[in-house]
Amino acid sequence: MTPSDPPGFNALIHAPQRLRICAALLPVREIEFSALRDGLAVADSVLSKHLRVLDEAGYIRLSKPTGRGRARTWVSITASGRTAVLKHLDALRAMLGDVGA
């Protein structure tokens, strides 16, 4: 955050792919890695890289439930992640102000 950024602006979330990931996670309880990858139309490596950053920040949770068949990775947004994304969206709205009005 720079001195000119409004409160709540989050540079970590603002990166285009991470913002898209967060936007995809907001309306769902969890989503399977491949569905998220396909929905964003990115490579596995790109998604993995951005998920790792969000996970290290505590904004998402990755889980691999054990069971029958192939292990699948599930992604969900945490409470702190949801709060950070919503604050970031408010900050973006504040930055836009009356643009287009």
Protein backbone atom coordinates (compact mmCIF):
# COMPACT_ATOMS: atom_id res chain seq x y z
CA MET A 1 0.00 0.00 0.00
CA THR A 2 1.28 3.47 -0.88
CA PRO A 3 0.32 6.67 0.93
CA SER A 4 -2.08 7.53 -1.90
CA ASP A 5 -3.94 4.20 -1.74
CA PRO A 6 -7.27 4.29 0.07
CA PRO A 7 -7.67 2.25 3.26
CA GLY A 8 -8.37 -1.38 2.50
CA PHE A 9 -6.45 -1.45 -0.78
CA ASN A 10 -4.60 -4.77 -0.92
CA ALA A 11 -1.77 -5.09 -3.45
CA LEU A 12 -1.52 -8.84 -2.83
CA ILE A 13 -5.15 -9.36 -3.88
CA HIS A 14 -5.01 -6.71 -6.61
CA ALA A 15 -2.79 -8.77 -8.94
CA PRO A 16 -5.14 -9.61 -11.84
CA GLN A 17 -5.11 -13.42 -11.51
CA ARG A 18 -5.41 -13.30 -7.71
CA LEU A 19 -8.31 -10.86 -7.95
CA ARG A 20 -10.01 -13.21 -10.41
CA ILE A 21 -9.43 -16.16 -8.08
CA CYS A 22 -10.90 -14.26 -5.12
CA ALA A 23 -13.89 -13.14 -7.19
CA ALA A 24 -14.54 -16.76 -8.17
CA LEU A 25 -14.33 -17.91 -4.55
CA LEU A 26 -16.61 -15.28 -2.98
CA PRO A 27 -19.95 -16.83 -4.04
CA VAL A 28 -19.06 -20.48 -3.36
CA ARG A 29 -18.28 -22.56 -0.29
CA GLU A 30 -15.42 -24.31 -2.10
CA ILE A 31 -14.36 -25.18 -5.62
CA GLU A 32 -12.23 -27.98 -7.03
CA PHE A 33 -8.83 -26.94 -8.43
CA SER A 34 -9.55 -28.11 -11.98
CA ALA A 35 -12.91 -26.32 -12.11
CA LEU A 36 -11.25 -23.10 -10.93
CA ARG A 37 -8.42 -23.56 -13.44
CA ASP A 38 -10.84 -24.16 -16.29
CA GLY A 39 -13.09 -21.27 -15.26
CA LEU A 40 -10.14 -18.88 -15.22
CA ALA A 41 -8.61 -20.42 -18.37
CA VAL A 42 -5.10 -20.60 -16.88
CA ALA A 43 -2.45 -23.29 -16.68
CA ASP A 44 -2.04 -25.46 -13.59
CA SER A 45 1.28 -23.78 -12.79
CA VAL A 46 -0.21 -20.28 -12.97
CA LEU A 47 -3.09 -21.17 -10.68
CA SER A 48 -0.82 -23.05 -8.26
CA LYS A 49 1.53 -20.08 -7.98
CA HIS A 50 -1.25 -17.64 -7.14
CA LEU A 51 -3.01 -20.04 -4.79
CA ARG A 52 0.25 -20.49 -2.87
CA VAL A 53 0.53 -16.71 -2.37
CA LEU A 54 -3.08 -16.44 -1.20
CA ASP A 55 -2.67 -19.48 1.05
CA GLU A 56 0.50 -18.09 2.67
CA ALA A 57 -1.40 -14.85 3.37
CA GLY A 58 -4.17 -16.86 5.06
CA TYR A 59 -6.78 -15.73 2.52
CA ILE A 60 -7.63 -19.18 1.18
CA ARG A 61 -7.64 -22.75 2.43
CA LEU A 62 -6.45 -25.69 0.33
CA SER A 63 -7.62 -29.17 1.21
CA LYS A 64 -7.11 -32.63 -0.25
CA PRO A 65 -9.68 -34.90 1.34
CA THR A 66 -8.68 -38.53 1.27
CA GLY A 67 -11.02 -41.12 -0.05
CA ARG A 68 -11.59 -43.29 -3.03
CA GLY A 69 -10.17 -42.38 -6.37
CA ARG A 70 -7.86 -39.61 -7.42
CA ALA A 71 -6.91 -37.01 -4.81
CA ARG A 72 -8.43 -33.66 -5.65
CA THR A 73 -7.51 -30.26 -4.32
CA TRP A 74 -10.33 -28.08 -3.04
CA VAL A 75 -10.04 -24.32 -2.59
CA SER A 76 -12.11 -22.13 -0.28
CA ILE A 77 -11.83 -18.56 0.89
CA THR A 78 -11.21 -17.97 4.60
CA ALA A 79 -13.07 -15.45 6.75
CA SER A 80 -10.03 -13.17 6.75
CA GLY A 81 -9.72 -13.61 2.99
CA ARG A 82 -13.37 -12.68 2.46
CA THR A 83 -12.92 -9.58 4.64
CA ALA A 84 -9.74 -8.56 2.80
CA VAL A 85 -11.37 -8.98 -0.63
CA LEU A 86 -14.48 -7.01 0.35
CA LYS A 87 -12.33 -4.21 1.81
CA HIS A 88 -10.24 -4.22 -1.36
CA LEU A 89 -13.36 -3.94 -3.51
CA ASP A 90 -14.55 -1.01 -1.36
CA ALA A 91 -11.14 0.62 -1.83
CA LEU A 92 -11.41 0.21 -5.61
CA ARG A 93 -14.86 1.79 -5.55
CA ALA A 94 -13.45 4.70 -3.52
CA MET A 95 -10.61 5.12 -6.02
CA LEU A 96 -13.09 5.26 -8.88
CA GLY A 97 -15.23 7.81 -7.07
CA ASP A 98 -17.53 9.51 -9.50
CA VAL A 99 -15.77 8.24 -12.64
CA GLY A 100 -18.40 7.69 -15.26
CA ALA A 101 -21.10 9.51 -13.31
